[in-house]
Amino acid sequence: MGGVTRGPVLPPGSYQVRLTAGGRTLTQPLEVRKDPRVATSDEDYRKQYDLLVKIRDKVTQAHDAITRIRETREQAKGVAERAKGNKAIADAAEALDRRLTAVEEELYQTKNQSSQDPLNFPIRLNNKLAALAGVVGGGDAPPTDQSYAVYEDLTAKIDAQLARLRQVVDTDVPAFNALVREQNVPAVVIKPAGKE
């Protein structure tokens, strides 16, 4: 099952819609109503929405980590190329790449190129969590206990990979940069998380 990338649907309630353009801001009230043919309570819609927001936020964290991994890998590769045959830097860049790739491949199936590839290459954590969003948001019902359990399991696994990435960023990248400084080659600069 593929992941769902649409955002959560607002539960029934009163909201304000704001449009800002050309230096002007317009605000209008908006009432979201449920289908009168459906018996789902507002509280159940709220539970569904709350879990979907948590799923969306965790998928975003995973995707931000993947972006960070790829940017770091490209910088390390560039440093190794600028070092022009310096074996110590080339070996360190390769080791850093292996550590980054190990995390990336747990978060994301890097071999997926088409919609048929998941048949041959199993989906990873980000796609599993996005697929859960499809299950949770696929009807007019509160999340099941099983959906909450799967969410907890997947977020724990994603958090473990994010911790591994922090370890690489906090330990391996500074060690790589120290080696690069010793060799007078420009270092890898990591953007702070969430500051893109």
N, C-alpha and C. Protein backbone atom coordinates (compact mmCIF):
# COMPACT_ATOMS: atom_id res chain seq x y z
N MET A 1 0.85 -1.18 0.00
CA MET A 1 0.00 0.00 0.00
C MET A 1 0.89 1.23 0.00
N GLY A 2 0.58 2.18 -0.86
CA GLY A 2 1.36 3.40 -0.93
C GLY A 2 0.93 4.40 0.11
N GLY A 3 1.80 5.36 0.36
CA GLY A 3 1.51 6.38 1.34
C GLY A 3 0.60 7.45 0.81
N VAL A 4 -0.11 8.09 1.71
CA VAL A 4 -1.01 9.19 1.38
C VAL A 4 -0.28 10.49 1.68
N THR A 5 -0.32 11.42 0.73
CA THR A 5 0.40 12.67 0.94
C THR A 5 -0.53 13.87 1.13
N ARG A 6 -1.83 13.64 1.08
CA ARG A 6 -2.73 14.78 1.33
C ARG A 6 -2.75 15.06 2.84
N GLY A 7 -3.06 16.27 3.17
CA GLY A 7 -3.08 16.64 4.58
C GLY A 7 -4.36 16.20 5.27
N PRO A 8 -4.40 16.35 6.59
CA PRO A 8 -5.60 15.97 7.34
C PRO A 8 -6.77 16.89 7.02
N VAL A 9 -7.96 16.32 7.04
CA VAL A 9 -9.19 17.09 6.83
C VAL A 9 -9.64 17.64 8.18
N LEU A 10 -10.00 18.91 8.18
CA LEU A 10 -10.45 19.54 9.43
C LEU A 10 -11.72 18.87 9.94
N PRO A 11 -11.81 18.71 11.25
CA PRO A 11 -13.05 18.17 11.81
C PRO A 11 -14.14 19.24 11.78
N PRO A 12 -15.40 18.83 11.95
CA PRO A 12 -16.48 19.81 11.99
C PRO A 12 -16.22 20.88 13.05
N GLY A 13 -16.58 22.11 12.71
CA GLY A 13 -16.40 23.21 13.65
C GLY A 13 -16.38 24.55 12.95
N SER A 14 -16.20 25.61 13.73
CA SER A 14 -16.14 26.97 13.20
C SER A 14 -14.68 27.40 13.10
N TYR A 15 -14.32 27.98 11.97
CA TYR A 15 -12.95 28.38 11.70
C TYR A 15 -12.94 29.77 11.08
N GLN A 16 -11.76 30.35 10.99
CA GLN A 16 -11.55 31.61 10.30
C GLN A 16 -10.60 31.34 9.13
N VAL A 17 -10.95 31.83 7.96
CA VAL A 17 -10.10 31.71 6.78
C VAL A 17 -9.50 33.08 6.53
N ARG A 18 -8.17 33.12 6.35
CA ARG A 18 -7.49 34.40 6.15
C ARG A 18 -6.74 34.36 4.82
N LEU A 19 -6.91 35.40 4.01
CA LEU A 19 -6.22 35.54 2.74
C LEU A 19 -5.44 36.84 2.78
N THR A 20 -4.14 36.76 2.53
CA THR A 20 -3.29 37.94 2.50
C THR A 20 -2.69 38.05 1.11
N ALA A 21 -2.91 39.20 0.47
CA ALA A 21 -2.36 39.45 -0.87
C ALA A 21 -2.28 40.95 -1.08
N GLY A 22 -1.23 41.39 -1.74
CA GLY A 22 -1.10 42.80 -2.06
C GLY A 22 -1.14 43.71 -0.85
N GLY A 23 -0.64 43.23 0.27
CA GLY A 23 -0.62 44.03 1.48
C GLY A 23 -1.94 44.08 2.23
N ARG A 24 -2.96 43.40 1.73
CA ARG A 24 -4.26 43.38 2.39
C ARG A 24 -4.53 41.99 2.96
N THR A 25 -5.25 41.97 4.05
CA THR A 25 -5.65 40.70 4.66
C THR A 25 -7.17 40.69 4.80
N LEU A 26 -7.77 39.64 4.28
CA LEU A 26 -9.22 39.45 4.41
C LEU A 26 -9.46 38.21 5.26
N THR A 27 -10.44 38.31 6.15
CA THR A 27 -10.79 37.19 7.02
C THR A 27 -12.28 36.93 6.92
N GLN A 28 -12.63 35.66 6.80
CA GLN A 28 -14.03 35.27 6.72
C GLN A 28 -14.26 34.05 7.62
N PRO A 29 -15.43 33.96 8.21
CA PRO A 29 -15.74 32.76 8.99
C PRO A 29 -16.02 31.59 8.04
N LEU A 30 -15.74 30.39 8.53
CA LEU A 30 -15.98 29.18 7.75
C LEU A 30 -16.52 28.11 8.70
N GLU A 31 -17.58 27.50 8.30
CA GLU A 31 -18.18 26.42 9.09
C GLU A 31 -17.95 25.11 8.34
N VAL A 32 -17.27 24.16 9.00
CA VAL A 32 -17.09 22.83 8.43
C VAL A 32 -18.14 21.94 9.06
N ARG A 33 -18.97 21.35 8.21
CA ARG A 33 -20.05 20.49 8.70
C ARG A 33 -19.83 19.06 8.22
N LYS A 34 -20.27 18.13 9.03
CA LYS A 34 -20.17 16.73 8.63
C LYS A 34 -21.35 16.37 7.74
N ASP A 35 -21.18 15.31 7.02
CA ASP A 35 -22.25 14.77 6.19
C ASP A 35 -23.39 14.36 7.13
N PRO A 36 -24.59 14.89 6.95
CA PRO A 36 -25.68 14.57 7.87
C PRO A 36 -26.10 13.10 7.83
N ARG A 37 -25.69 12.38 6.82
CA ARG A 37 -26.03 10.96 6.72
C ARG A 37 -25.10 10.09 7.56
N VAL A 38 -24.02 10.69 8.10
CA VAL A 38 -23.01 9.94 8.85
C VAL A 38 -23.22 10.16 10.34
N ALA A 39 -23.12 9.09 11.11
CA ALA A 39 -23.37 9.16 12.56
C ALA A 39 -22.12 9.47 13.38
N THR A 40 -20.98 9.66 12.75
CA THR A 40 -19.73 9.91 13.46
C THR A 40 -19.84 11.19 14.29
N SER A 41 -19.38 11.11 15.53
CA SER A 41 -19.46 12.28 16.42
C SER A 41 -18.34 13.27 16.12
N ASP A 42 -18.54 14.51 16.54
CA ASP A 42 -17.50 15.53 16.39
C ASP A 42 -16.23 15.11 17.13
N GLU A 43 -16.39 14.47 18.28
CA GLU A 43 -15.24 14.01 19.06
C GLU A 43 -14.45 12.95 18.27
N ASP A 44 -15.15 12.06 17.59
CA ASP A 44 -14.46 11.04 16.79
C ASP A 44 -13.71 11.67 15.62
N TYR A 45 -14.33 12.68 14.99
CA TYR A 45 -13.63 13.39 13.92
C TYR A 45 -12.38 14.08 14.47
N ARG A 46 -12.48 14.63 15.67
CA ARG A 46 -11.34 15.30 16.30
C ARG A 46 -10.22 14.30 16.56
N LYS A 47 -10.55 13.11 17.04
CA LYS A 47 -9.54 12.07 17.28
C LYS A 47 -8.84 11.70 15.97
N GLN A 48 -9.62 11.57 14.92
CA GLN A 48 -9.05 11.25 13.61
C GLN A 48 -8.09 12.35 13.17
N TYR A 49 -8.55 13.58 13.28
CA TYR A 49 -7.73 14.73 12.89
C TYR A 49 -6.44 14.80 13.71
N ASP A 50 -6.55 14.64 15.02
CA ASP A 50 -5.37 14.73 15.89
C ASP A 50 -4.32 13.68 15.52
N LEU A 51 -4.75 12.45 15.25
CA LEU A 51 -3.78 11.42 14.87
C LEU A 51 -3.19 11.72 13.49
N LEU A 52 -4.01 12.19 12.57
CA LEU A 52 -3.49 12.52 11.24
C LEU A 52 -2.45 13.65 11.30
N VAL A 53 -2.65 14.62 12.17
CA VAL A 53 -1.67 15.69 12.33
C VAL A 53 -0.36 15.13 12.88
N LYS A 54 -0.45 14.23 13.85
CA LYS A 54 0.77 13.61 14.40
C LYS A 54 1.50 12.81 13.32
N ILE A 55 0.75 12.08 12.52
CA ILE A 55 1.36 11.30 11.44
C ILE A 55 2.04 12.25 10.46
N ARG A 56 1.34 13.30 10.04
CA ARG A 56 1.91 14.26 9.10
C ARG A 56 3.21 14.86 9.65
N ASP A 57 3.20 15.23 10.91
CA ASP A 57 4.38 15.86 11.50
C ASP A 57 5.56 14.89 11.56
N LYS A 58 5.30 13.62 11.86
CA LYS A 58 6.39 12.64 11.94
C LYS A 58 6.93 12.31 10.55
N VAL A 59 6.04 12.22 9.55
CA VAL A 59 6.49 12.00 8.17
C VAL A 59 7.35 13.18 7.73
N THR A 60 6.96 14.38 8.10
CA THR A 60 7.76 15.57 7.77
C THR A 60 9.14 15.49 8.41
N GLN A 61 9.21 15.06 9.67
CA GLN A 61 10.52 14.90 10.32
C GLN A 61 11.38 13.90 9.56
N ALA A 62 10.80 12.80 9.14
CA ALA A 62 11.55 11.79 8.39
C ALA A 62 12.04 12.37 7.06
N HIS A 63 11.18 13.10 6.37
CA HIS A 63 11.57 13.68 5.09
C HIS A 63 12.64 14.75 5.27
N ASP A 64 12.53 15.55 6.32
CA ASP A 64 13.57 16.54 6.60
C ASP A 64 14.90 15.86 6.87
N ALA A 65 14.88 14.74 7.58
CA ALA A 65 16.11 13.99 7.86
C ALA A 65 16.72 13.46 6.57
N ILE A 66 15.89 12.96 5.67
CA ILE A 66 16.39 12.45 4.39
C ILE A 66 17.04 13.57 3.60
N THR A 67 16.42 14.74 3.59
CA THR A 67 17.01 15.90 2.90
C THR A 67 18.35 16.25 3.52
N ARG A 68 18.42 16.25 4.82
CA ARG A 68 19.67 16.57 5.53
C ARG A 68 20.76 15.55 5.20
N ILE A 69 20.39 14.28 5.18
CA ILE A 69 21.33 13.22 4.83
C ILE A 69 21.89 13.46 3.43
N ARG A 70 21.03 13.73 2.49
CA ARG A 70 21.46 13.91 1.10
C ARG A 70 22.34 15.15 0.93
N GLU A 71 21.99 16.23 1.61
CA GLU A 71 22.82 17.43 1.54
C GLU A 71 24.20 17.18 2.15
N THR A 72 24.24 16.48 3.28
CA THR A 72 25.51 16.18 3.94
C THR A 72 26.36 15.28 3.07
N ARG A 73 25.74 14.26 2.49
CA ARG A 73 26.45 13.33 1.61
C ARG A 73 27.07 14.08 0.41
N GLU A 74 26.28 14.96 -0.20
CA GLU A 74 26.78 15.71 -1.36
C GLU A 74 27.95 16.61 -0.97
N GLN A 75 27.86 17.24 0.20
CA GLN A 75 28.96 18.09 0.64
C GLN A 75 30.22 17.27 0.90
N ALA A 76 30.07 16.12 1.56
CA ALA A 76 31.23 15.27 1.84
C ALA A 76 31.85 14.78 0.54
N LYS A 77 31.01 14.43 -0.41
CA LYS A 77 31.50 13.99 -1.73
C LYS A 77 32.26 15.13 -2.40
N GLY A 78 31.73 16.34 -2.31
CA GLY A 78 32.40 17.51 -2.89
C GLY A 78 33.74 17.78 -2.23
N VAL A 79 33.80 17.62 -0.92
CA VAL A 79 35.07 17.80 -0.20
C VAL A 79 36.09 16.79 -0.69
N ALA A 80 35.68 15.54 -0.82
CA ALA A 80 36.59 14.49 -1.29
C ALA A 80 37.09 14.79 -2.70
N GLU A 81 36.21 15.31 -3.54
CA GLU A 81 36.62 15.68 -4.90
C GLU A 81 37.60 16.85 -4.88
N ARG A 82 37.35 17.83 -4.01
CA ARG A 82 38.27 18.98 -3.92
C ARG A 82 39.61 18.58 -3.33
N ALA A 83 39.62 17.51 -2.55
CA ALA A 83 40.87 17.05 -1.92
C ALA A 83 41.78 16.35 -2.93
N LYS A 84 41.30 16.11 -4.11
CA LYS A 84 42.07 15.58 -5.24
C LYS A 84 42.99 14.42 -4.86
N GLY A 85 42.38 13.29 -4.55
CA GLY A 85 43.16 12.08 -4.33
C GLY A 85 43.70 11.89 -2.93
N ASN A 86 43.32 12.73 -1.98
CA ASN A 86 43.76 12.55 -0.60
C ASN A 86 43.02 11.33 -0.04
N LYS A 87 43.75 10.22 0.14
CA LYS A 87 43.14 8.95 0.53
C LYS A 87 42.45 9.04 1.89
N ALA A 88 43.03 9.73 2.84
CA ALA A 88 42.43 9.83 4.18
C ALA A 88 41.05 10.50 4.09
N ILE A 89 40.96 11.57 3.33
CA ILE A 89 39.68 12.28 3.19
C ILE A 89 38.70 11.43 2.39
N ALA A 90 39.16 10.80 1.32
CA ALA A 90 38.28 9.94 0.52
C ALA A 90 37.72 8.80 1.37
N ASP A 91 38.57 8.18 2.18
CA ASP A 91 38.11 7.09 3.04
C ASP A 91 37.13 7.59 4.10
N ALA A 92 37.40 8.75 4.67
CA ALA A 92 36.51 9.32 5.69
C ALA A 92 35.16 9.70 5.07
N ALA A 93 35.19 10.25 3.85
CA ALA A 93 33.94 10.60 3.17
C ALA A 93 33.13 9.35 2.87
N GLU A 94 33.80 8.28 2.48
CA GLU A 94 33.12 7.01 2.21
C GLU A 94 32.50 6.44 3.48
N ALA A 95 33.23 6.51 4.58
CA ALA A 95 32.71 6.01 5.86
C ALA A 95 31.50 6.84 6.31
N LEU A 96 31.58 8.15 6.14
CA LEU A 96 30.46 9.02 6.49
C LEU A 96 29.25 8.69 5.61
N ASP A 97 29.49 8.47 4.33
CA ASP A 97 28.42 8.11 3.41
C ASP A 97 27.74 6.80 3.85
N ARG A 98 28.51 5.82 4.26
CA ARG A 98 27.93 4.55 4.70
C ARG A 98 27.04 4.75 5.92
N ARG A 99 27.48 5.56 6.87
CA ARG A 99 26.67 5.81 8.08
C ARG A 99 25.37 6.55 7.73
N LEU A 100 25.48 7.54 6.85
CA LEU A 100 24.30 8.28 6.43
C LEU A 100 23.33 7.40 5.64
N THR A 101 23.88 6.60 4.75
CA THR A 101 23.05 5.72 3.92
C THR A 101 22.31 4.69 4.77
N ALA A 102 22.95 4.20 5.82
CA ALA A 102 22.29 3.22 6.70
C ALA A 102 21.02 3.81 7.30
N VAL A 103 21.07 5.06 7.69
CA VAL A 103 19.88 5.72 8.25
C VAL A 103 18.87 5.99 7.14
N GLU A 104 19.33 6.53 6.04
CA GLU A 104 18.43 6.86 4.93
C GLU A 104 17.65 5.63 4.48
N GLU A 105 18.33 4.50 4.35
CA GLU A 105 17.67 3.30 3.84
C GLU A 105 16.69 2.68 4.84
N GLU A 106 16.77 3.05 6.10
CA GLU A 106 15.74 2.64 7.05
C GLU A 106 14.51 3.54 6.95
N LEU A 107 14.76 4.81 6.67
CA LEU A 107 13.66 5.77 6.58
C LEU A 107 12.95 5.72 5.24
N TYR A 108 13.69 5.46 4.16
CA TYR A 108 13.16 5.63 2.80
C TYR A 108 13.69 4.54 1.89
N GLN A 109 12.84 3.99 1.03
CA GLN A 109 13.28 2.98 0.07
C GLN A 109 13.92 3.70 -1.11
N THR A 110 15.25 3.72 -1.12
CA THR A 110 16.00 4.47 -2.13
C THR A 110 15.93 3.83 -3.51
N LYS A 111 15.49 2.59 -3.61
CA LYS A 111 15.44 1.90 -4.90
C LYS A 111 14.12 2.13 -5.63
N ASN A 112 13.15 2.75 -4.99
CA ASN A 112 11.87 3.01 -5.65
C ASN A 112 12.03 4.05 -6.74
N GLN A 113 11.71 3.66 -7.96
CA GLN A 113 11.74 4.58 -9.09
C GLN A 113 10.38 4.65 -9.79
N SER A 114 9.56 3.62 -9.58
CA SER A 114 8.25 3.58 -10.23
C SER A 114 7.22 3.03 -9.25
N SER A 115 5.97 3.07 -9.66
CA SER A 115 4.91 2.57 -8.78
C SER A 115 4.97 1.05 -8.62
N GLN A 116 5.69 0.36 -9.48
CA GLN A 116 5.82 -1.09 -9.39
C GLN A 116 6.97 -1.52 -8.47
N ASP A 117 7.91 -0.64 -8.20
CA ASP A 117 9.09 -1.01 -7.41
C ASP A 117 8.78 -1.52 -6.00
N PRO A 118 7.74 -1.03 -5.32
CA PRO A 118 7.46 -1.60 -3.99
C PRO A 118 7.17 -3.11 -4.01
N LEU A 119 6.86 -3.65 -5.18
CA LEU A 119 6.68 -5.10 -5.28
C LEU A 119 8.00 -5.83 -5.08
N ASN A 120 9.09 -5.19 -5.50
CA ASN A 120 10.42 -5.80 -5.41
C ASN A 120 11.25 -5.28 -4.25
N PHE A 121 10.97 -4.05 -3.85
CA PHE A 121 11.75 -3.41 -2.80
C PHE A 121 10.77 -2.95 -1.72
N PRO A 122 10.83 -3.53 -0.54
CA PRO A 122 9.82 -3.21 0.49
C PRO A 122 9.84 -1.74 0.90
N ILE A 123 8.64 -1.24 1.21
CA ILE A 123 8.55 0.15 1.65
C ILE A 123 9.22 0.30 3.01
N ARG A 124 9.65 1.49 3.30
CA ARG A 124 10.35 1.77 4.55
C ARG A 124 9.45 2.60 5.49
N LEU A 125 10.05 3.07 6.55
CA LEU A 125 9.29 3.69 7.63
C LEU A 125 8.44 4.88 7.18
N ASN A 126 9.00 5.77 6.36
CA ASN A 126 8.23 6.96 5.97
C ASN A 126 6.98 6.56 5.20
N ASN A 127 7.10 5.59 4.30
CA ASN A 127 5.96 5.18 3.50
C ASN A 127 4.96 4.38 4.32
N LYS A 128 5.45 3.60 5.26
CA LYS A 128 4.53 2.86 6.14
C LYS A 128 3.68 3.82 6.95
N LEU A 129 4.32 4.87 7.46
CA LEU A 129 3.57 5.85 8.25
C LEU A 129 2.60 6.63 7.37
N ALA A 130 3.03 6.98 6.15
CA ALA A 130 2.12 7.67 5.23
C ALA A 130 0.95 6.76 4.84
N ALA A 131 1.21 5.46 4.71
CA ALA A 131 0.12 4.52 4.42
C ALA A 131 -0.87 4.46 5.58
N LEU A 132 -0.35 4.56 6.80
CA LEU A 132 -1.23 4.59 7.97
C LEU A 132 -2.16 5.80 7.90
N ALA A 133 -1.67 6.92 7.39
CA ALA A 133 -2.52 8.10 7.24
C ALA A 133 -3.71 7.78 6.34
N GLY A 134 -3.47 6.99 5.30
CA GLY A 134 -4.57 6.59 4.42
C GLY A 134 -5.60 5.74 5.13
N VAL A 135 -5.13 4.88 6.02
CA VAL A 135 -6.04 4.03 6.79
C VAL A 135 -6.85 4.88 7.77
N VAL A 136 -6.16 5.74 8.51
CA VAL A 136 -6.82 6.56 9.53
C VAL A 136 -7.79 7.56 8.89
N GLY A 137 -7.39 8.16 7.79
CA GLY A 137 -8.22 9.19 7.17
C GLY A 137 -9.15 8.68 6.09
N GLY A 138 -9.19 7.37 5.91
CA GLY A 138 -9.96 6.80 4.81
C GLY A 138 -11.45 6.65 5.04
N GLY A 139 -11.95 7.11 6.14
CA GLY A 139 -13.38 6.97 6.40
C GLY A 139 -13.84 7.94 7.47
N ASP A 140 -15.10 7.85 7.77
CA ASP A 140 -15.70 8.71 8.80
C ASP A 140 -15.79 7.94 10.10
N ALA A 141 -14.62 7.72 10.71
CA ALA A 141 -14.57 6.93 11.95
C ALA A 141 -13.35 7.35 12.74
N PRO A 142 -13.39 7.14 14.05
CA PRO A 142 -12.20 7.44 14.85
C PRO A 142 -11.12 6.40 14.55
N PRO A 143 -9.86 6.72 14.85
CA PRO A 143 -8.80 5.73 14.66
C PRO A 143 -9.05 4.51 15.55
N THR A 144 -8.66 3.36 15.05
CA THR A 144 -8.79 2.13 15.84
C THR A 144 -7.62 2.02 16.81
N ASP A 145 -7.77 1.16 17.79
CA ASP A 145 -6.66 0.89 18.71
C ASP A 145 -5.44 0.40 17.95
N GLN A 146 -5.68 -0.40 16.90
CA GLN A 146 -4.58 -0.91 16.09
C GLN A 146 -3.85 0.22 15.36
N SER A 147 -4.59 1.21 14.91
CA SER A 147 -3.95 2.35 14.24
C SER A 147 -3.05 3.11 15.20
N TYR A 148 -3.52 3.31 16.43
CA TYR A 148 -2.68 3.96 17.43
C TYR A 148 -1.44 3.12 17.73
N ALA A 149 -1.60 1.81 17.81
CA ALA A 149 -0.47 0.92 18.10
C ALA A 149 0.56 0.96 16.97
N VAL A 150 0.09 0.94 15.73
CA VAL A 150 1.00 1.01 14.59
C VAL A 150 1.71 2.36 14.58
N TYR A 151 0.97 3.42 14.87
CA TYR A 151 1.59 4.75 14.93
C TYR A 151 2.71 4.77 15.97
N GLU A 152 2.45 4.26 17.15
CA GLU A 152 3.46 4.25 18.21
C GLU A 152 4.68 3.43 17.79
N ASP A 153 4.45 2.28 17.19
CA ASP A 153 5.55 1.42 16.74
C ASP A 153 6.40 2.12 15.68
N LEU A 154 5.75 2.67 14.67
CA LEU A 154 6.49 3.32 13.58
C LEU A 154 7.21 4.58 14.05
N THR A 155 6.57 5.38 14.90
CA THR A 155 7.24 6.60 15.36
C THR A 155 8.43 6.25 16.24
N ALA A 156 8.34 5.19 17.02
CA ALA A 156 9.50 4.77 17.83
C ALA A 156 10.66 4.37 16.91
N LYS A 157 10.35 3.67 15.84
CA LYS A 157 11.40 3.26 14.89
C LYS A 157 11.99 4.46 14.16
N ILE A 158 11.14 5.41 13.77
CA ILE A 158 11.64 6.62 13.12
C ILE A 158 12.49 7.42 14.10
N ASP A 159 12.04 7.56 15.34
CA ASP A 159 12.81 8.28 16.35
C ASP A 159 14.18 7.64 16.56
N ALA A 160 14.25 6.32 16.51
CA ALA A 160 15.54 5.63 16.66
C ALA A 160 16.47 6.00 15.50
N GLN A 161 15.93 6.10 14.30
CA GLN A 161 16.76 6.48 13.15
C GLN A 161 17.17 7.95 13.23
N LEU A 162 16.27 8.80 13.71
CA LEU A 162 16.62 10.21 13.88
C LEU A 162 17.72 10.36 14.93
N ALA A 163 17.70 9.53 15.96
CA ALA A 163 18.77 9.54 16.97
C ALA A 163 20.09 9.07 16.35
N ARG A 164 20.03 8.06 15.49
CA ARG A 164 21.25 7.61 14.79
C ARG A 164 21.81 8.74 13.93
N LEU A 165 20.92 9.46 13.25
CA LEU A 165 21.37 10.58 12.42
C LEU A 165 21.99 11.67 13.28
N ARG A 166 21.37 11.97 14.42
CA ARG A 166 21.96 12.98 15.33
C ARG A 166 23.36 12.56 15.75
N GLN A 167 23.55 11.28 16.02
CA GLN A 167 24.87 10.77 16.40
C GLN A 167 25.88 11.01 15.28
N VAL A 168 25.49 10.74 14.05
CA VAL A 168 26.38 10.97 12.91
C VAL A 168 26.69 12.46 12.78
N VAL A 169 25.66 13.29 12.88
CA VAL A 169 25.83 14.75 12.74
C VAL A 169 26.68 15.31 13.89
N ASP A 170 26.47 14.81 15.10
CA ASP A 170 27.17 15.34 16.27
C ASP A 170 28.58 14.78 16.44
N THR A 171 28.85 13.61 15.88
CA THR A 171 30.14 12.96 16.09
C THR A 171 30.94 12.78 14.80
N ASP A 172 30.34 12.11 13.83
CA ASP A 172 31.07 11.78 12.60
C ASP A 172 31.37 13.00 11.73
N VAL A 173 30.40 13.88 11.58
CA VAL A 173 30.63 15.07 10.74
C VAL A 173 31.72 15.96 11.35
N PRO A 174 31.70 16.26 12.66
CA PRO A 174 32.80 17.05 13.22
C PRO A 174 34.16 16.36 13.08
N ALA A 175 34.19 15.04 13.22
CA ALA A 175 35.46 14.32 13.04
C ALA A 175 35.93 14.42 11.60
N PHE A 176 35.00 14.30 10.66
CA PHE A 176 35.33 14.45 9.24
C PHE A 176 35.85 15.87 8.98
N ASN A 177 35.15 16.86 9.52
CA ASN A 177 35.57 18.25 9.33
C ASN A 177 36.94 18.53 9.95
N ALA A 178 37.23 17.91 11.08
CA ALA A 178 38.55 18.10 11.71
C ALA A 178 39.64 17.56 10.79
N LEU A 179 39.40 16.39 10.21
CA LEU A 179 40.37 15.82 9.27
C LEU A 179 40.53 16.73 8.06
N VAL A 180 39.44 17.26 7.58
CA VAL A 180 39.46 18.14 6.41
C VAL A 180 40.25 19.42 6.74
N ARG A 181 40.04 19.97 7.94
CA ARG A 181 40.78 21.17 8.34
C ARG A 181 42.28 20.90 8.39
N GLU A 182 42.64 19.73 8.91
CA GLU A 182 44.06 19.36 8.95
C GLU A 182 44.67 19.36 7.55
N GLN A 183 43.85 19.01 6.57
CA GLN A 183 44.32 18.93 5.19
C GLN A 183 44.08 20.23 4.41
N ASN A 184 43.55 21.26 5.08
CA ASN A 184 43.26 22.56 4.46
C ASN A 184 42.30 22.47 3.28
N VAL A 185 41.23 21.69 3.45
CA VAL A 185 40.17 21.58 2.45
C VAL A 185 38.89 22.13 3.09
N PRO A 186 38.08 22.94 2.37
CA PRO A 186 36.84 23.46 2.96
C PRO A 186 35.94 22.34 3.50
N ALA A 187 35.37 22.56 4.67
CA ALA A 187 34.63 21.52 5.40
C ALA A 187 33.16 21.42 4.99
N VAL A 188 32.46 20.45 5.60
CA VAL A 188 31.03 20.26 5.43
C VAL A 188 30.31 21.18 6.42
N VAL A 189 29.33 21.93 5.93
CA VAL A 189 28.55 22.83 6.77
C VAL A 189 27.11 22.32 6.80
N ILE A 190 26.63 21.97 7.98
CA ILE A 190 25.28 21.43 8.14
C ILE A 190 24.35 22.54 8.57
N LYS A 191 23.24 22.69 7.85
CA LYS A 191 22.21 23.64 8.27
C LYS A 191 21.55 23.09 9.53
N PRO A 192 21.22 23.94 10.47
CA PRO A 192 20.48 23.46 11.65
C PRO A 192 19.15 22.85 11.22
N ALA A 193 18.73 21.79 11.89
CA ALA A 193 17.47 21.12 11.56
C ALA A 193 16.32 22.11 11.64
N GLY A 194 15.44 22.06 10.65
CA GLY A 194 14.27 22.92 10.64
C GLY A 194 14.55 24.37 10.27
N LYS A 195 15.75 24.66 9.79
CA LYS A 195 16.10 26.05 9.45
C LYS A 195 16.26 26.24 7.95
N GLU A 196 15.67 25.35 7.14
CA GLU A 196 15.82 25.46 5.69
C GLU A 196 15.09 26.65 5.16
